[in-house]
Full PDB file with SEQRES, HELIX, SHEET, SSBOND, CRYST1, ORIGX, SCALE, CONECT and MASTER records, all heavy atoms in Angstrom:
SEQRES   1 A   44  TYR ARG LEU PRO VAL SER LEU ASN LEU PRO GLN LEU ARG          
SEQRES   2 A   44  THR ALA GLY GLY LEU SER PRO ARG LYS CYS GLY SER GLY          
SEQRES   3 A   44  SER LEU ASN GLN VAL TRP ARG TYR GLY SER LYS CYS GLU          
SEQRES   4 A   44  HIS PRO ALA ASP ASP                                          
HELIX    1 AA1 SER A   25  SER A   27  5                                   3    
HELIX    2 AA2 LEU A   28  ARG A   33  1                                   6    
SHEET    1 AA1 2 SER A   6  THR A  14  0                                        
SHEET    2 AA1 2 GLY A  17  GLY A  24 -1                                        
CRYST1    1.000    1.000    1.000  90.00  90.00  90.00 P 1           1          
ORIGX1      1.000000  0.000000  0.000000        0.00000                         
ORIGX2      0.000000  1.000000  0.000000        0.00000                         
ORIGX3      0.000000  0.000000  1.000000        0.00000                         
SCALE1      1.000000  0.000000  0.000000        0.00000                         
SCALE2      0.000000  1.000000  0.000000        0.00000                         
SCALE3      0.000000  0.000000  1.000000        0.00000                         
ATOM      1  N   TYR A   1      16.878  11.830 -22.748  1.00  0.00           N  
ATOM      2  CA  TYR A   1      16.120  11.367 -21.581  1.00  0.00           C  
ATOM      3  C   TYR A   1      15.224  12.458 -20.983  1.00  0.00           C  
ATOM      4  O   TYR A   1      14.392  12.166 -20.138  1.00  0.00           O  
ATOM      5  CB  TYR A   1      17.077  10.882 -20.479  1.00  0.00           C  
ATOM      6  CG  TYR A   1      17.915   9.715 -20.898  1.00  0.00           C  
ATOM      7  CD1 TYR A   1      19.254   9.882 -21.236  1.00  0.00           C  
ATOM      8  CD2 TYR A   1      17.381   8.440 -20.957  1.00  0.00           C  
ATOM      9  CE1 TYR A   1      20.034   8.806 -21.613  1.00  0.00           C  
ATOM     10  CE2 TYR A   1      18.152   7.353 -21.339  1.00  0.00           C  
ATOM     11  CZ  TYR A   1      19.473   7.549 -21.667  1.00  0.00           C  
ATOM     12  OH  TYR A   1      20.238   6.478 -22.050  1.00  0.00           O  
ATOM     13  N   ARG A   2      15.397  13.687 -21.414  1.00  0.00           N  
ATOM     14  CA  ARG A   2      14.677  14.797 -20.796  1.00  0.00           C  
ATOM     15  C   ARG A   2      13.180  14.752 -21.087  1.00  0.00           C  
ATOM     16  O   ARG A   2      12.752  14.376 -22.159  1.00  0.00           O  
ATOM     17  CB  ARG A   2      15.225  16.132 -21.269  1.00  0.00           C  
ATOM     18  CG  ARG A   2      16.615  16.414 -20.713  1.00  0.00           C  
ATOM     19  CD  ARG A   2      17.092  17.792 -21.058  1.00  0.00           C  
ATOM     20  NE  ARG A   2      16.252  18.841 -20.493  1.00  0.00           N  
ATOM     21  CZ  ARG A   2      16.342  19.282 -19.243  1.00  0.00           C  
ATOM     22  NH1 ARG A   2      17.191  18.755 -18.415  1.00  0.00           N  
ATOM     23  NH2 ARG A   2      15.564  20.259 -18.829  1.00  0.00           N  
ATOM     24  N   LEU A   3      12.432  15.174 -20.081  1.00  0.00           N  
ATOM     25  CA  LEU A   3      10.982  15.329 -20.234  1.00  0.00           C  
ATOM     26  C   LEU A   3      10.706  16.748 -20.713  1.00  0.00           C  
ATOM     27  O   LEU A   3      11.495  17.658 -20.442  1.00  0.00           O  
ATOM     28  CB  LEU A   3      10.294  15.099 -18.890  1.00  0.00           C  
ATOM     29  CG  LEU A   3      10.464  13.703 -18.299  1.00  0.00           C  
ATOM     30  CD1 LEU A   3       9.962  13.683 -16.861  1.00  0.00           C  
ATOM     31  CD2 LEU A   3       9.724  12.689 -19.135  1.00  0.00           C  
ATOM     32  N   PRO A   4       9.589  16.959 -21.409  1.00  0.00           N  
ATOM     33  CA  PRO A   4       9.254  18.321 -21.837  1.00  0.00           C  
ATOM     34  C   PRO A   4       9.104  19.236 -20.614  1.00  0.00           C  
ATOM     35  O   PRO A   4       8.604  18.816 -19.572  1.00  0.00           O  
ATOM     36  CB  PRO A   4       7.912  18.160 -22.549  1.00  0.00           C  
ATOM     37  CG  PRO A   4       7.798  16.704 -22.857  1.00  0.00           C  
ATOM     38  CD  PRO A   4       8.593  15.978 -21.831  1.00  0.00           C  
ATOM     39  N   VAL A   5       9.543  20.472 -20.749  1.00  0.00           N  
ATOM     40  CA  VAL A   5       9.456  21.429 -19.643  1.00  0.00           C  
ATOM     41  C   VAL A   5       8.010  21.808 -19.365  1.00  0.00           C  
ATOM     42  O   VAL A   5       7.597  21.949 -18.224  1.00  0.00           O  
ATOM     43  CB  VAL A   5      10.292  22.690 -19.967  1.00  0.00           C  
ATOM     44  CG1 VAL A   5      10.120  23.744 -18.891  1.00  0.00           C  
ATOM     45  CG2 VAL A   5      11.763  22.313 -20.112  1.00  0.00           C  
ATOM     46  N   SER A   6       7.223  21.937 -20.425  1.00  0.00           N  
ATOM     47  CA  SER A   6       5.823  22.325 -20.278  1.00  0.00           C  
ATOM     48  C   SER A   6       4.929  21.204 -20.787  1.00  0.00           C  
ATOM     49  O   SER A   6       5.162  20.644 -21.856  1.00  0.00           O  
ATOM     50  CB  SER A   6       5.557  23.611 -21.066  1.00  0.00           C  
ATOM     51  OG  SER A   6       4.217  24.000 -20.939  1.00  0.00           O  
ATOM     52  N   LEU A   7       3.900  20.879 -20.005  1.00  0.00           N  
ATOM     53  CA  LEU A   7       2.967  19.813 -20.374  1.00  0.00           C  
ATOM     54  C   LEU A   7       1.552  20.378 -20.469  1.00  0.00           C  
ATOM     55  O   LEU A   7       1.172  21.262 -19.698  1.00  0.00           O  
ATOM     56  CB  LEU A   7       3.005  18.705 -19.316  1.00  0.00           C  
ATOM     57  CG  LEU A   7       4.364  18.054 -19.084  1.00  0.00           C  
ATOM     58  CD1 LEU A   7       4.325  17.184 -17.853  1.00  0.00           C  
ATOM     59  CD2 LEU A   7       4.782  17.252 -20.308  1.00  0.00           C  
ATOM     60  N   ASN A   8       0.804  19.879 -21.429  1.00  0.00           N  
ATOM     61  CA  ASN A   8      -0.584  20.292 -21.611  1.00  0.00           C  
ATOM     62  C   ASN A   8      -1.515  19.283 -20.967  1.00  0.00           C  
ATOM     63  O   ASN A   8      -1.379  18.077 -21.176  1.00  0.00           O  
ATOM     64  CB  ASN A   8      -0.918  20.401 -23.108  1.00  0.00           C  
ATOM     65  CG  ASN A   8      -0.102  21.449 -23.809  1.00  0.00           C  
ATOM     66  OD1 ASN A   8       0.070  22.537 -23.301  1.00  0.00           O  
ATOM     67  ND2 ASN A   8       0.419  21.120 -24.972  1.00  0.00           N  
ATOM     68  N   LEU A   9      -2.479  19.792 -20.210  1.00  0.00           N  
ATOM     69  CA  LEU A   9      -3.494  18.954 -19.571  1.00  0.00           C  
ATOM     70  C   LEU A   9      -4.842  19.238 -20.225  1.00  0.00           C  
ATOM     71  O   LEU A   9      -5.013  20.240 -20.910  1.00  0.00           O  
ATOM     72  CB  LEU A   9      -3.566  19.272 -18.081  1.00  0.00           C  
ATOM     73  CG  LEU A   9      -2.261  19.142 -17.298  1.00  0.00           C  
ATOM     74  CD1 LEU A   9      -2.482  19.563 -15.855  1.00  0.00           C  
ATOM     75  CD2 LEU A   9      -1.736  17.742 -17.371  1.00  0.00           C  
ATOM     76  N   PRO A  10      -5.834  18.346 -20.019  1.00  0.00           N  
ATOM     77  CA  PRO A  10      -7.156  18.626 -20.589  1.00  0.00           C  
ATOM     78  C   PRO A  10      -7.673  19.975 -20.092  1.00  0.00           C  
ATOM     79  O   PRO A  10      -7.399  20.399 -18.965  1.00  0.00           O  
ATOM     80  CB  PRO A  10      -8.024  17.484 -20.031  1.00  0.00           C  
ATOM     81  CG  PRO A  10      -7.057  16.396 -19.723  1.00  0.00           C  
ATOM     82  CD  PRO A  10      -5.793  17.085 -19.297  1.00  0.00           C  
ATOM     83  N   GLN A  11      -8.401  20.646 -20.953  1.00  0.00           N  
ATOM     84  CA  GLN A  11      -8.932  21.959 -20.591  1.00  0.00           C  
ATOM     85  C   GLN A  11      -9.888  21.851 -19.402  1.00  0.00           C  
ATOM     86  O   GLN A  11     -10.536  20.826 -19.207  1.00  0.00           O  
ATOM     87  CB  GLN A  11      -9.645  22.585 -21.784  1.00  0.00           C  
ATOM     88  CG  GLN A  11      -8.695  22.936 -22.906  1.00  0.00           C  
ATOM     89  CD  GLN A  11      -9.398  23.647 -24.052  1.00  0.00           C  
ATOM     90  OE1 GLN A  11     -10.610  23.594 -24.178  1.00  0.00           O  
ATOM     91  NE2 GLN A  11      -8.618  24.311 -24.879  1.00  0.00           N  
ATOM     92  N   LEU A  12      -9.956  22.924 -18.647  1.00  0.00           N  
ATOM     93  CA  LEU A  12     -10.795  22.977 -17.461  1.00  0.00           C  
ATOM     94  C   LEU A  12     -12.082  23.723 -17.796  1.00  0.00           C  
ATOM     95  O   LEU A  12     -12.053  24.816 -18.363  1.00  0.00           O  
ATOM     96  CB  LEU A  12     -10.045  23.705 -16.344  1.00  0.00           C  
ATOM     97  CG  LEU A  12     -10.714  23.815 -14.998  1.00  0.00           C  
ATOM     98  CD1 LEU A  12     -10.937  22.429 -14.398  1.00  0.00           C  
ATOM     99  CD2 LEU A  12      -9.873  24.658 -14.070  1.00  0.00           C  
ATOM    100  N   ARG A  13     -13.225  23.111 -17.475  1.00  0.00           N  
ATOM    101  CA  ARG A  13     -14.507  23.777 -17.702  1.00  0.00           C  
ATOM    102  C   ARG A  13     -14.718  24.850 -16.637  1.00  0.00           C  
ATOM    103  O   ARG A  13     -14.605  24.581 -15.455  1.00  0.00           O  
ATOM    104  CB  ARG A  13     -15.665  22.787 -17.631  1.00  0.00           C  
ATOM    105  CG  ARG A  13     -15.687  21.817 -18.778  1.00  0.00           C  
ATOM    106  CD  ARG A  13     -17.001  21.001 -18.753  1.00  0.00           C  
ATOM    107  NE  ARG A  13     -16.971  19.967 -19.732  1.00  0.00           N  
ATOM    108  CZ  ARG A  13     -17.244  20.137 -21.020  1.00  0.00           C  
ATOM    109  NH1 ARG A  13     -17.589  21.306 -21.468  1.00  0.00           N  
ATOM    110  NH2 ARG A  13     -17.171  19.124 -21.862  1.00  0.00           N  
ATOM    111  N   THR A  14     -15.000  26.061 -17.077  1.00  0.00           N  
ATOM    112  CA  THR A  14     -15.295  27.164 -16.168  1.00  0.00           C  
ATOM    113  C   THR A  14     -16.599  27.801 -16.610  1.00  0.00           C  
ATOM    114  O   THR A  14     -17.143  27.463 -17.670  1.00  0.00           O  
ATOM    115  CB  THR A  14     -14.172  28.219 -16.192  1.00  0.00           C  
ATOM    116  OG1 THR A  14     -14.101  28.783 -17.502  1.00  0.00           O  
ATOM    117  CG2 THR A  14     -12.834  27.605 -15.820  1.00  0.00           C  
ATOM    118  N   ALA A  15     -17.098  28.740 -15.818  1.00  0.00           N  
ATOM    119  CA  ALA A  15     -18.336  29.432 -16.178  1.00  0.00           C  
ATOM    120  C   ALA A  15     -18.190  30.178 -17.502  1.00  0.00           C  
ATOM    121  O   ALA A  15     -19.159  30.338 -18.243  1.00  0.00           O  
ATOM    122  CB  ALA A  15     -18.726  30.403 -15.066  1.00  0.00           C  
ATOM    123  N   GLY A  16     -16.998  30.617 -17.802  1.00  0.00           N  
ATOM    124  CA  GLY A  16     -16.753  31.344 -19.048  1.00  0.00           C  
ATOM    125  C   GLY A  16     -16.393  30.458 -20.231  1.00  0.00           C  
ATOM    126  O   GLY A  16     -16.078  30.952 -21.292  1.00  0.00           O  
ATOM    127  N   GLY A  17     -16.407  29.158 -20.065  1.00  0.00           N  
ATOM    128  CA  GLY A  17     -16.049  28.246 -21.158  1.00  0.00           C  
ATOM    129  C   GLY A  17     -14.965  27.289 -20.731  1.00  0.00           C  
ATOM    130  O   GLY A  17     -14.974  26.773 -19.625  1.00  0.00           O  
ATOM    131  N   LEU A  18     -14.023  27.079 -21.632  1.00  0.00           N  
ATOM    132  CA  LEU A  18     -12.908  26.170 -21.351  1.00  0.00           C  
ATOM    133  C   LEU A  18     -11.624  26.982 -21.156  1.00  0.00           C  
ATOM    134  O   LEU A  18     -11.362  27.915 -21.903  1.00  0.00           O  
ATOM    135  CB  LEU A  18     -12.723  25.178 -22.498  1.00  0.00           C  
ATOM    136  CG  LEU A  18     -13.865  24.194 -22.729  1.00  0.00           C  
ATOM    137  CD1 LEU A  18     -13.597  23.370 -23.982  1.00  0.00           C  
ATOM    138  CD2 LEU A  18     -14.033  23.280 -21.533  1.00  0.00           C  
ATOM    139  N   SER A  19     -10.849  26.602 -20.170  1.00  0.00           N  
ATOM    140  CA  SER A  19      -9.571  27.260 -19.903  1.00  0.00           C  
ATOM    141  C   SER A  19      -8.449  26.263 -20.112  1.00  0.00           C  
ATOM    142  O   SER A  19      -8.515  25.143 -19.603  1.00  0.00           O  
ATOM    143  CB  SER A  19      -9.520  27.765 -18.460  1.00  0.00           C  
ATOM    144  OG  SER A  19     -10.475  28.761 -18.256  1.00  0.00           O  
ATOM    145  N   PRO A  20      -7.406  26.656 -20.854  1.00  0.00           N  
ATOM    146  CA  PRO A  20      -6.267  25.758 -21.034  1.00  0.00           C  
ATOM    147  C   PRO A  20      -5.533  25.559 -19.711  1.00  0.00           C  
ATOM    148  O   PRO A  20      -5.539  26.434 -18.843  1.00  0.00           O  
ATOM    149  CB  PRO A  20      -5.391  26.485 -22.057  1.00  0.00           C  
ATOM    150  CG  PRO A  20      -5.823  27.900 -22.024  1.00  0.00           C  
ATOM    151  CD  PRO A  20      -7.226  27.937 -21.533  1.00  0.00           C  
ATOM    152  N   ARG A  21      -4.920  24.402 -19.551  1.00  0.00           N  
ATOM    153  CA  ARG A  21      -4.122  24.100 -18.352  1.00  0.00           C  
ATOM    154  C   ARG A  21      -2.771  23.576 -18.776  1.00  0.00           C  
ATOM    155  O   ARG A  21      -2.670  22.750 -19.667  1.00  0.00           O  
ATOM    156  CB  ARG A  21      -4.804  23.066 -17.463  1.00  0.00           C  
ATOM    157  CG  ARG A  21      -6.054  23.563 -16.797  1.00  0.00           C  
ATOM    158  CD  ARG A  21      -6.548  22.594 -15.757  1.00  0.00           C  
ATOM    159  NE  ARG A  21      -6.775  21.270 -16.311  1.00  0.00           N  
ATOM    160  CZ  ARG A  21      -6.907  20.163 -15.590  1.00  0.00           C  
ATOM    161  NH1 ARG A  21      -6.822  20.214 -14.285  1.00  0.00           N  
ATOM    162  NH2 ARG A  21      -7.122  19.009 -16.159  1.00  0.00           N  
ATOM    163  N   LYS A  22      -1.749  24.044 -18.114  1.00  0.00           N  
ATOM    164  CA  LYS A  22      -0.386  23.575 -18.343  1.00  0.00           C  
ATOM    165  C   LYS A  22       0.255  23.308 -16.997  1.00  0.00           C  
ATOM    166  O   LYS A  22      -0.197  23.809 -15.979  1.00  0.00           O  
ATOM    167  CB  LYS A  22       0.419  24.637 -19.094  1.00  0.00           C  
ATOM    168  CG  LYS A  22      -0.037  24.882 -20.516  1.00  0.00           C  
ATOM    169  CD  LYS A  22       0.924  25.812 -21.225  1.00  0.00           C  
ATOM    170  CE  LYS A  22       0.503  26.049 -22.650  1.00  0.00           C  
ATOM    171  NZ  LYS A  22       0.679  24.907 -23.514  1.00  0.00           N  
ATOM    172  N   CYS A  23       1.292  22.508 -17.009  1.00  0.00           N  
ATOM    173  CA  CYS A  23       2.087  22.304 -15.801  1.00  0.00           C  
ATOM    174  C   CYS A  23       3.506  22.001 -16.235  1.00  0.00           C  
ATOM    175  O   CYS A  23       3.771  21.752 -17.404  1.00  0.00           O  
ATOM    176  CB  CYS A  23       1.515  21.187 -14.931  1.00  0.00           C  
ATOM    177  SG  CYS A  23       1.749  19.537 -15.582  1.00  0.00           S  
ATOM    178  N   GLY A  24       4.409  22.015 -15.292  1.00  0.00           N  
ATOM    179  CA  GLY A  24       5.801  21.713 -15.582  1.00  0.00           C  
ATOM    180  C   GLY A  24       6.100  20.236 -15.402  1.00  0.00           C  
ATOM    181  O   GLY A  24       5.318  19.498 -14.780  1.00  0.00           O  
ATOM    182  N   SER A  25       7.238  19.809 -15.892  1.00  0.00           N  
ATOM    183  CA  SER A  25       7.607  18.400 -15.766  1.00  0.00           C  
ATOM    184  C   SER A  25       7.774  17.993 -14.308  1.00  0.00           C  
ATOM    185  O   SER A  25       7.627  16.822 -13.971  1.00  0.00           O  
ATOM    186  CB  SER A  25       8.876  18.112 -16.554  1.00  0.00           C  
ATOM    187  OG  SER A  25       9.948  18.904 -16.074  1.00  0.00           O  
ATOM    188  N   GLY A  26       8.045  18.944 -13.426  1.00  0.00           N  
ATOM    189  CA  GLY A  26       8.182  18.645 -12.010  1.00  0.00           C  
ATOM    190  C   GLY A  26       6.862  18.298 -11.337  1.00  0.00           C  
ATOM    191  O   GLY A  26       6.835  17.843 -10.197  1.00  0.00           O  
ATOM    192  N   SER A  27       5.755  18.501 -12.054  1.00  0.00           N  
ATOM    193  CA  SER A  27       4.422  18.182 -11.516  1.00  0.00           C  
ATOM    194  C   SER A  27       3.842  16.908 -12.120  1.00  0.00           C  
ATOM    195  O   SER A  27       2.707  16.555 -11.825  1.00  0.00           O  
ATOM    196  CB  SER A  27       3.462  19.345 -11.784  1.00  0.00           C  
ATOM    197  OG  SER A  27       3.902  20.504 -11.146  1.00  0.00           O  
ATOM    198  N   LEU A  28       4.607  16.236 -12.960  1.00  0.00           N  
ATOM    199  CA  LEU A  28       4.094  15.040 -13.638  1.00  0.00           C  
ATOM    200  C   LEU A  28       3.602  13.999 -12.636  1.00  0.00           C  
ATOM    201  O   LEU A  28       2.581  13.354 -12.860  1.00  0.00           O  
ATOM    202  CB  LEU A  28       5.167  14.431 -14.543  1.00  0.00           C  
ATOM    203  CG  LEU A  28       4.756  13.221 -15.361  1.00  0.00           C  
ATOM    204  CD1 LEU A  28       3.567  13.544 -16.263  1.00  0.00           C  
ATOM    205  CD2 LEU A  28       5.923  12.727 -16.201  1.00  0.00           C  
ATOM    206  N   ASN A  29       4.285  13.861 -11.509  1.00  0.00           N  
ATOM    207  CA  ASN A  29       3.854  12.888 -10.507  1.00  0.00           C  
ATOM    208  C   ASN A  29       2.430  13.186 -10.035  1.00  0.00           C  
ATOM    209  O   ASN A  29       1.648  12.273  -9.795  1.00  0.00           O  
ATOM    210  CB  ASN A  29       4.827  12.872  -9.322  1.00  0.00           C  
ATOM    211  CG  ASN A  29       4.843  14.175  -8.552  1.00  0.00           C  
ATOM    212  OD1 ASN A  29       4.845  15.248  -9.150  1.00  0.00           O  
ATOM    213  ND2 ASN A  29       4.876  14.100  -7.253  1.00  0.00           N  
ATOM    214  N   GLN A  30       2.075  14.447  -9.912  1.00  0.00           N  
ATOM    215  CA  GLN A  30       0.728  14.807  -9.466  1.00  0.00           C  
ATOM    216  C   GLN A  30      -0.304  14.631 -10.575  1.00  0.00           C  
ATOM    217  O   GLN A  30      -1.444  14.262 -10.302  1.00  0.00           O  
ATOM    218  CB  GLN A  30       0.698  16.251  -8.979  1.00  0.00           C  
ATOM    219  CG  GLN A  30       1.482  16.445  -7.710  1.00  0.00           C  
ATOM    220  CD  GLN A  30       1.302  17.846  -7.196  1.00  0.00           C  
ATOM    221  OE1 GLN A  30       0.197  18.201  -6.806  1.00  0.00           O  
ATOM    222  NE2 GLN A  30       2.373  18.623  -7.217  1.00  0.00           N  
ATOM    223  N   VAL A  31       0.091  14.900 -11.804  1.00  0.00           N  
ATOM    224  CA  VAL A  31      -0.841  14.751 -12.931  1.00  0.00           C  
ATOM    225  C   VAL A  31      -1.389  13.336 -12.941  1.00  0.00           C  
ATOM    226  O   VAL A  31      -2.599  13.116 -12.986  1.00  0.00           O  
ATOM    227  CB  VAL A  31      -0.135  15.073 -14.271  1.00  0.00           C  
ATOM    228  CG1 VAL A  31      -1.008  14.688 -15.451  1.00  0.00           C  
ATOM    229  CG2 VAL A  31       0.249  16.541 -14.334  1.00  0.00           C  
ATOM    230  N   TRP A  32      -0.517  12.362 -12.872  1.00  0.00           N  
ATOM    231  CA  TRP A  32      -0.956  10.966 -12.933  1.00  0.00           C  
ATOM    232  C   TRP A  32      -1.550  10.497 -11.620  1.00  0.00           C  
ATOM    233  O   TRP A  32      -2.491   9.717 -11.584  1.00  0.00           O  
ATOM    234  CB  TRP A  32       0.198  10.074 -13.365  1.00  0.00           C  
ATOM    235  CG  TRP A  32       0.537  10.233 -14.820  1.00  0.00           C  
ATOM    236  CD1 TRP A  32      -0.289  10.689 -15.807  1.00  0.00           C  
ATOM    237  CD2 TRP A  32       1.774   9.931 -15.458  1.00  0.00           C  
ATOM    238  NE1 TRP A  32       0.358  10.701 -17.015  1.00  0.00           N  
ATOM    239  CE2 TRP A  32       1.640  10.238 -16.835  1.00  0.00           C  
ATOM    240  CE3 TRP A  32       2.987   9.444 -15.013  1.00  0.00           C  
ATOM    241  CZ2 TRP A  32       2.653  10.061 -17.756  1.00  0.00           C  
ATOM    242  CZ3 TRP A  32       4.007   9.267 -15.932  1.00  0.00           C  
ATOM    243  CH2 TRP A  32       3.830   9.571 -17.288  1.00  0.00           C  
ATOM    244  N   ARG A  33      -1.007  10.975 -10.498  1.00  0.00           N  
ATOM    245  CA  ARG A  33      -1.524  10.559  -9.188  1.00  0.00           C  
ATOM    246  C   ARG A  33      -2.994  10.916  -9.040  1.00  0.00           C  
ATOM    247  O   ARG A  33      -3.771  10.161  -8.450  1.00  0.00           O  
ATOM    248  CB  ARG A  33      -0.731  11.231  -8.069  1.00  0.00           C  
ATOM    249  CG  ARG A  33      -1.240  10.869  -6.677  1.00  0.00           C  
ATOM    250  CD  ARG A  33      -0.554  11.650  -5.564  1.00  0.00           C  
ATOM    251  NE  ARG A  33       0.880  11.570  -5.647  1.00  0.00           N  
ATOM    252  CZ  ARG A  33       1.717  12.572  -5.323  1.00  0.00           C  
ATOM    253  NH1 ARG A  33       1.250  13.716  -4.897  1.00  0.00           N  
ATOM    254  NH2 ARG A  33       3.014  12.411  -5.429  1.00  0.00           N  
ATOM    255  N   TYR A  34      -3.384  12.069  -9.556  1.00  0.00           N  
ATOM    256  CA  TYR A  34      -4.760  12.530  -9.379  1.00  0.00           C  
ATOM    257  C   TYR A  34      -5.638  12.252 -10.586  1.00  0.00           C  
ATOM    258  O   TYR A  34      -6.714  12.802 -10.728  1.00  0.00           O  
ATOM    259  CB  TYR A  34      -4.770  14.009  -8.999  1.00  0.00           C  
ATOM    260  CG  TYR A  34      -4.063  14.235  -7.686  1.00  0.00           C  
ATOM    261  CD1 TYR A  34      -2.903  15.000  -7.620  1.00  0.00           C  
ATOM    262  CD2 TYR A  34      -4.514  13.620  -6.519  1.00  0.00           C  
ATOM    263  CE1 TYR A  34      -2.237  15.181  -6.412  1.00  0.00           C  
ATOM    264  CE2 TYR A  34      -3.851  13.791  -5.315  1.00  0.00           C  
ATOM    265  CZ  TYR A  34      -2.720  14.578  -5.264  1.00  0.00           C  
ATOM    266  OH  TYR A  34      -2.067  14.745  -4.074  1.00  0.00           O  
ATOM    267  N   GLY A  35      -5.186  11.369 -11.456  1.00  0.00           N  
ATOM    268  CA  GLY A  35      -6.022  10.849 -12.525  1.00  0.00           C  
ATOM    269  C   GLY A  35      -6.147  11.703 -13.768  1.00  0.00           C  
ATOM    270  O   GLY A  35      -7.014  11.453 -14.589  1.00  0.00           O  
ATOM    271  N   SER A  36      -5.280  12.669 -13.949  1.00  0.00           N  
ATOM    272  CA  SER A  36      -5.343  13.456 -15.170  1.00  0.00           C  
ATOM    273  C   SER A  36      -4.472  12.789 -16.230  1.00  0.00           C  
ATOM    274  O   SER A  36      -3.994  11.672 -16.039  1.00  0.00           O  
ATOM    275  CB  SER A  36      -4.879  14.894 -14.921  1.00  0.00           C  
ATOM    276  OG  SER A  36      -5.199  15.703 -16.042  1.00  0.00           O  
ATOM    277  N   LYS A  37      -4.284  13.457 -17.339  1.00  0.00           N  
ATOM    278  CA  LYS A  37      -3.444  12.928 -18.401  1.00  0.00           C  
ATOM    279  C   LYS A  37      -2.806  14.087 -19.134  1.00  0.00           C  
ATOM    280  O   LYS A  37      -3.256  15.230 -19.029  1.00  0.00           O  
ATOM    281  CB  LYS A  37      -4.258  12.069 -19.363  1.00  0.00           C  
ATOM    282  CG  LYS A  37      -5.357  12.835 -20.069  1.00  0.00           C  
ATOM    283  CD  LYS A  37      -6.149  11.955 -20.997  1.00  0.00           C  
ATOM    284  CE  LYS A  37      -7.203  12.811 -21.706  1.00  0.00           C  
ATOM    285  NZ  LYS A  37      -7.924  12.056 -22.711  1.00  0.00           N  
ATOM    286  N   CYS A  38      -1.767  13.793 -19.843  1.00  0.00           N  
ATOM    287  CA  CYS A  38      -1.088  14.800 -20.653  1.00  0.00           C  
ATOM    288  C   CYS A  38      -1.539  14.655 -22.096  1.00  0.00           C  
ATOM    289  O   CYS A  38      -1.830  13.563 -22.555  1.00  0.00           O  
ATOM    290  CB  CYS A  38       0.420  14.646 -20.527  1.00  0.00           C  
ATOM    291  SG  CYS A  38       1.024  14.979 -18.868  1.00  0.00           S  
ATOM    292  N   GLU A  39      -1.569  15.789 -22.764  1.00  0.00           N  
ATOM    293  CA  GLU A  39      -2.051  15.810 -24.142  1.00  0.00           C  
ATOM    294  C   GLU A  39      -0.968  16.310 -25.085  1.00  0.00           C  
ATOM    295  O   GLU A  39       0.074  16.787 -24.651  1.00  0.00           O  
ATOM    296  CB  GLU A  39      -3.284  16.710 -24.224  1.00  0.00           C  
ATOM    297  CG  GLU A  39      -4.442  16.188 -23.382  1.00  0.00           C  
ATOM    298  CD  GLU A  39      -5.696  17.036 -23.489  1.00  0.00           C  
ATOM    299  OE1 GLU A  39      -5.593  18.242 -23.768  1.00  0.00           O  
ATOM    300  OE2 GLU A  39      -6.786  16.472 -23.292  1.00  0.00           O  
ATOM    301  N   HIS A  40      -1.242  16.199 -26.366  1.00  0.00           N  
ATOM    302  CA  HIS A  40      -0.347  16.600 -27.447  1.00  0.00           C  
ATOM    303  C   HIS A  40       0.338  17.925 -27.101  1.00  0.00           C  
ATOM    304  O   HIS A  40      -0.312  18.805 -26.563  1.00  0.00           O  
ATOM    305  CB  HIS A  40      -1.144  16.704 -28.747  1.00  0.00           C  
ATOM    306  CG  HIS A  40      -0.299  17.033 -29.937  1.00  0.00           C  
ATOM    307  ND1 HIS A  40       0.483  16.083 -30.542  1.00  0.00           N  
ATOM    308  CD2 HIS A  40      -0.086  18.188 -30.576  1.00  0.00           C  
ATOM    309  CE1 HIS A  40       1.127  16.670 -31.533  1.00  0.00           C  
ATOM    310  NE2 HIS A  40       0.795  17.935 -31.562  1.00  0.00           N  
ATOM    311  N   PRO A  41       1.613  18.119 -27.368  1.00  0.00           N  
ATOM    312  CA  PRO A  41       2.483  17.230 -28.131  1.00  0.00           C  
ATOM    313  C   PRO A  41       3.129  16.120 -27.311  1.00  0.00           C  
ATOM    314  O   PRO A  41       3.625  15.153 -27.870  1.00  0.00           O  
ATOM    315  CB  PRO A  41       3.543  18.166 -28.694  1.00  0.00           C  
ATOM    316  CG  PRO A  41       3.648  19.258 -27.689  1.00  0.00           C  
ATOM    317  CD  PRO A  41       2.269  19.399 -27.101  1.00  0.00           C  
ATOM    318  N   ALA A  42       3.145  16.252 -25.991  1.00  0.00           N  
ATOM    319  CA  ALA A  42       3.738  15.200 -25.150  1.00  0.00           C  
ATOM    320  C   ALA A  42       2.615  14.500 -24.413  1.00  0.00           C  
ATOM    321  O   ALA A  42       2.270  14.855 -23.303  1.00  0.00           O  
ATOM    322  CB  ALA A  42       4.736  15.807 -24.176  1.00  0.00           C  
ATOM    323  N   ASP A  43       2.047  13.498 -25.065  1.00  0.00           N  
ATOM    324  CA  ASP A  43       0.942  12.782 -24.423  1.00  0.00           C  
ATOM    325  C   ASP A  43       1.494  11.693 -23.498  1.00  0.00           C  
ATOM    326  O   ASP A  43       2.699  11.481 -23.401  1.00  0.00           O  
ATOM    327  CB  ASP A  43      -0.029  12.215 -25.453  1.00  0.00           C  
ATOM    328  CG  ASP A  43       0.614  11.193 -26.384  1.00  0.00           C  
ATOM    329  OD1 ASP A  43       1.716  10.696 -26.087  1.00  0.00           O  
ATOM    330  OD2 ASP A  43      -0.004  10.873 -27.410  1.00  0.00           O  
ATOM    331  N   ASP A  44       0.584  11.025 -22.796  1.00  0.00           N  
ATOM    332  CA  ASP A  44       1.001  10.014 -21.829  1.00  0.00           C  
ATOM    333  C   ASP A  44       1.864   8.931 -22.457  1.00  0.00           C  
ATOM    334  O   ASP A  44       2.845   8.482 -21.852  1.00  0.00           O  
ATOM    335  CB  ASP A  44      -0.226   9.372 -21.174  1.00  0.00           C  
ATOM    336  CG  ASP A  44      -0.912  10.315 -20.185  1.00  0.00           C  
ATOM    337  OD1 ASP A  44      -0.312  11.323 -19.778  1.00  0.00           O  
ATOM    338  OD2 ASP A  44      -2.062  10.023 -19.814  1.00  0.00           O  
TER     339      ASP A  44                                                      
MASTER        0    0    0    2    2    0    0    6  338    1    0    4          
END                                                                             
């Protein structure tokens, strides 16, 4: 039943290019609330 500890989000565009984004499973409620999505290996 466990959720992955670390989740991958779409990369963030910055002036220097793309930056990877990660969050913990405790932030999953915010990921979906604010319209983001999770990516491989644990996608939505």
